[in-house]
Protein backbone atom coordinates (compact mmCIF):
# COMPACT_ATOMS: atom_id res chain seq x y z
CA MET A 1 116.65 72.29 117.95
CA ASN A 2 113.24 73.87 118.61
CA ALA A 3 112.76 74.05 122.40
CA ALA A 4 109.00 74.56 122.14
CA LYS A 5 108.69 71.51 119.84
CA ASN A 6 110.59 69.34 122.34
CA ALA A 7 109.05 70.83 125.47
CA PRO A 8 107.13 68.49 127.78
CA LYS A 9 103.42 68.34 127.07
CA ASP A 10 102.20 68.07 130.71
CA ALA A 11 103.44 68.60 134.25
CA ASN A 12 104.11 64.88 134.78
CA SER A 13 106.77 64.86 132.04
CA ALA A 14 108.28 68.28 132.85
CA SER A 15 111.93 68.32 133.78
CA VAL A 16 112.97 68.75 137.44
CA LEU A 17 115.07 71.80 138.21
CA ASN A 18 117.72 72.16 140.90
CA GLU A 19 116.72 75.67 141.97
CA VAL A 20 113.95 78.20 141.54
CA GLU A 21 114.34 80.42 138.46
CA LYS A 22 112.16 82.51 136.13
CA PRO A 23 110.21 80.86 134.61
CA SER A 24 109.73 77.71 136.63
CA VAL A 25 106.90 75.99 138.56
CA VAL A 26 107.36 75.56 142.30
CA ALA A 27 105.22 73.27 144.46
CA LEU A 28 104.72 75.08 147.77
CA SER A 29 103.00 74.62 151.09
CA TRP A 30 102.70 77.45 153.64
CA ARG A 31 101.46 78.83 156.84
CA LEU A 32 100.17 82.44 156.62
CA CYS A 33 99.66 84.60 159.72
CA ASP A 34 98.93 88.24 160.37
CA ALA A 35 101.64 90.41 162.03
CA GLN A 36 100.43 89.29 165.47
CA GLY A 37 100.84 85.58 164.60
CA GLU A 38 97.10 84.86 164.16
CA LEU A 39 96.73 82.01 161.58
CA LEU A 40 94.99 83.24 158.41
CA ASP A 41 95.61 80.35 156.00
CA GLU A 42 97.44 77.05 155.93
CA LEU A 43 98.25 75.17 152.78
CA LEU A 44 99.28 71.67 153.87
CA ASP A 45 99.30 69.93 150.48
CA PRO A 46 101.73 71.42 147.97
CA VAL A 47 100.29 73.54 145.16
CA ASP A 48 102.02 74.57 141.94
CA PHE A 49 102.81 78.26 141.30
CA LEU A 50 104.46 79.82 138.24
CA ILE A 51 107.51 81.93 139.06
CA GLY A 52 107.91 85.00 136.89
CA ALA A 53 104.25 85.59 136.21
CA ASP A 54 101.11 86.46 138.20
CA ASP A 55 100.78 83.57 140.69
CA LEU A 56 102.67 84.95 143.69
CA LEU A 57 103.41 88.30 145.31
CA PRO A 58 106.70 89.78 144.02
CA ALA A 59 108.27 89.70 147.50
CA ILE A 60 107.55 85.97 147.76
CA GLU A 61 108.95 85.30 144.30
CA ASP A 62 112.09 87.28 145.10
CA ALA A 63 112.66 85.21 148.27
CA LEU A 64 112.18 81.95 146.33
CA LEU A 65 114.62 82.68 143.48
CA GLY A 66 117.76 80.59 143.81
CA GLN A 67 116.30 78.36 146.52
CA THR A 68 116.27 74.54 146.24
CA SER A 69 113.70 71.83 146.86
CA GLY A 70 113.20 71.12 150.58
CA GLU A 71 114.11 74.70 151.60
CA ARG A 72 111.99 76.51 154.18
CA ILE A 73 111.63 80.27 154.05
CA SER A 74 110.12 82.67 156.59
CA LEU A 75 109.08 86.14 155.45
CA LYS A 76 107.57 89.17 157.09
CA LEU A 77 105.67 91.35 154.61
CA GLU A 78 104.50 94.88 155.17
CA PRO A 79 101.20 95.87 153.49
CA ASP A 80 103.00 97.51 150.58
CA GLN A 81 104.77 94.20 149.93
CA ALA A 82 101.55 92.23 150.18
CA PHE A 83 98.07 93.52 149.33
CA GLY A 84 98.55 97.23 149.78
CA ASP A 85 97.07 99.72 152.16
CA TYR A 86 93.31 99.70 152.83
CA GLN A 87 91.65 102.23 150.52
CA GLU A 88 88.49 103.77 152.07
CA GLU A 89 87.46 105.11 148.64
CA TRP A 90 87.13 101.52 147.43
CA VAL A 91 84.13 100.92 149.71
CA GLU A 92 80.69 101.71 148.25
CA TRP A 93 77.11 101.63 149.56
CA VAL A 94 74.49 100.69 146.97
CA HIS A 95 70.72 100.48 147.06
CA ARG A 96 69.38 96.96 147.48
CA LYS A 97 66.89 97.67 144.67
CA ASP A 98 69.89 97.87 142.33
CA CYS A 99 71.19 94.47 143.48
CA GLY A 100 70.00 91.05 142.41
CA ALA A 101 67.55 89.35 144.72
CA ASP A 102 69.96 86.46 145.12
CA MET A 103 72.94 88.63 146.13
CA ALA A 104 74.73 87.20 149.18
CA GLU A 105 77.62 88.27 151.40
CA GLY A 106 80.87 87.17 149.80
CA ASP A 107 79.63 87.50 146.21
CA ALA A 108 82.21 89.03 143.84
CA LEU A 109 81.11 91.44 141.10
CA ALA A 110 83.01 93.03 138.22
CA LEU A 111 80.65 96.05 138.10
CA LEU A 112 79.11 98.08 140.87
CA PRO A 113 75.29 97.56 140.79
CA GLY A 114 73.25 100.54 139.69
CA ALA A 115 76.12 102.78 138.56
CA LYS A 116 77.88 99.90 136.73
CA THR A 117 81.19 101.25 137.87
CA PRO A 118 84.06 98.85 137.33
CA ALA A 119 86.20 97.93 140.29
CA PRO A 120 89.70 99.45 140.51
CA ASP A 121 92.09 97.80 138.10
CA GLY A 122 92.80 94.16 139.06
CA HIS A 123 90.13 94.15 141.77
CA VAL A 124 86.52 93.07 142.13
CA TRP A 125 83.65 94.33 144.27
CA ILE A 126 82.97 91.96 147.16
CA VAL A 127 79.62 92.13 148.95
CA THR A 128 80.71 92.52 152.58
CA GLU A 129 77.40 93.44 154.24
CA LEU A 130 73.69 93.27 153.35
CA TYR A 131 71.01 95.42 154.94
CA PRO A 132 67.30 95.76 154.09
CA ASP A 133 67.87 99.02 152.14
CA HIS A 134 71.50 98.82 151.02
CA ALA A 135 74.54 96.67 150.48
CA VAL A 136 78.19 97.41 151.25
CA LEU A 137 80.68 96.49 148.52
CA ASP A 138 84.43 96.62 149.01
CA ALA A 139 87.09 96.41 146.29
CA ASN A 140 89.96 96.10 148.77
CA HIS A 141 91.66 92.74 149.06
CA PRO A 142 90.53 91.08 152.33
CA LEU A 143 94.17 91.22 153.51
CA ALA A 144 94.75 94.87 152.48
CA GLY A 145 96.36 96.90 155.22
CA LEU A 146 97.74 93.89 157.08
CA GLY A 147 101.34 93.02 157.79
CA LEU A 148 101.80 89.32 157.09
CA GLN A 149 104.12 86.49 158.17
CA ILE A 150 104.48 83.54 155.82
CA GLU A 151 106.41 80.32 156.27
CA LEU A 152 106.98 78.55 152.94
CA LYS A 153 108.28 75.06 152.12
CA ILE A 154 109.49 74.21 148.60
CA HIS A 155 108.44 70.65 147.75
CA ALA A 156 109.48 70.50 144.10
CA ILE A 157 110.74 72.66 141.22
CA ARG A 158 110.16 71.94 137.56
CA VAL A 159 110.40 73.52 134.13
CA ALA A 160 107.38 75.68 133.31
CA LEU A 161 105.26 74.38 130.43
CA PRO A 162 104.69 76.61 127.34
CA ASN A 163 100.94 76.79 128.08
CA GLU A 164 101.62 77.91 131.70
CA ILE A 165 104.03 80.62 130.51
CA ALA A 166 101.52 81.81 127.92
CA ALA A 167 98.71 81.89 130.53
CA ARG A 168 101.04 83.52 133.11
CA THR A 169 99.86 80.99 135.72
CA ALA A 170 100.26 77.36 136.75
CA GLY A 171 96.55 77.51 137.54
CA THR A 172 96.69 78.79 141.09
CA GLY A 173 97.21 82.37 142.24
CA PHE A 174 98.06 83.67 145.66
CA PHE A 175 94.77 85.26 146.76
CA ARG A 176 94.02 86.87 143.41
CA MET A 177 90.60 88.47 143.75
CA ARG A 178 89.65 87.95 140.10
CA ASP A 179 89.67 84.20 140.79
CA PHE A 180 86.58 84.71 142.92
CA LEU A 181 84.55 86.65 140.33
CA THR A 182 80.94 85.44 140.04
CA GLU A 183 79.39 88.31 138.05
């Protein structure tokens, strides 16, 4: 029997699983805080994430493996388990004349204006500050250098679809910077 031929075509017809495995799709909600307990993000409605790909941080995936629907998990992540240490060398000042007139704080760019330098692998340049003569761009993840606390709830677990496995995502990533790229 050809498993791909008989695989479900969409998430509504995908088979429910008893526990999280690789690959599978997990519907999660969470509460994300910094190390001091300050709320950073709260996901109240469950969102699907592909386990065994690029959707979640490895430490979160590891904690989810073998868990069942309805489980709640609390994790404390050091920067090296989350978004890494803050890299000063990933902050650049560029001349405003090299930037587009419509550039705004929060814009994400693949290339550094003027020098056309690509961001470090897997990152993008984020415009963090604008001044009359220059702009500050930062390729660090906004949560780089922070210890994090995350409380997760597993709402559902299902078989991953072939197209999700091929794309290495269920469509949502955990704070992936490339998702914000505007070029």
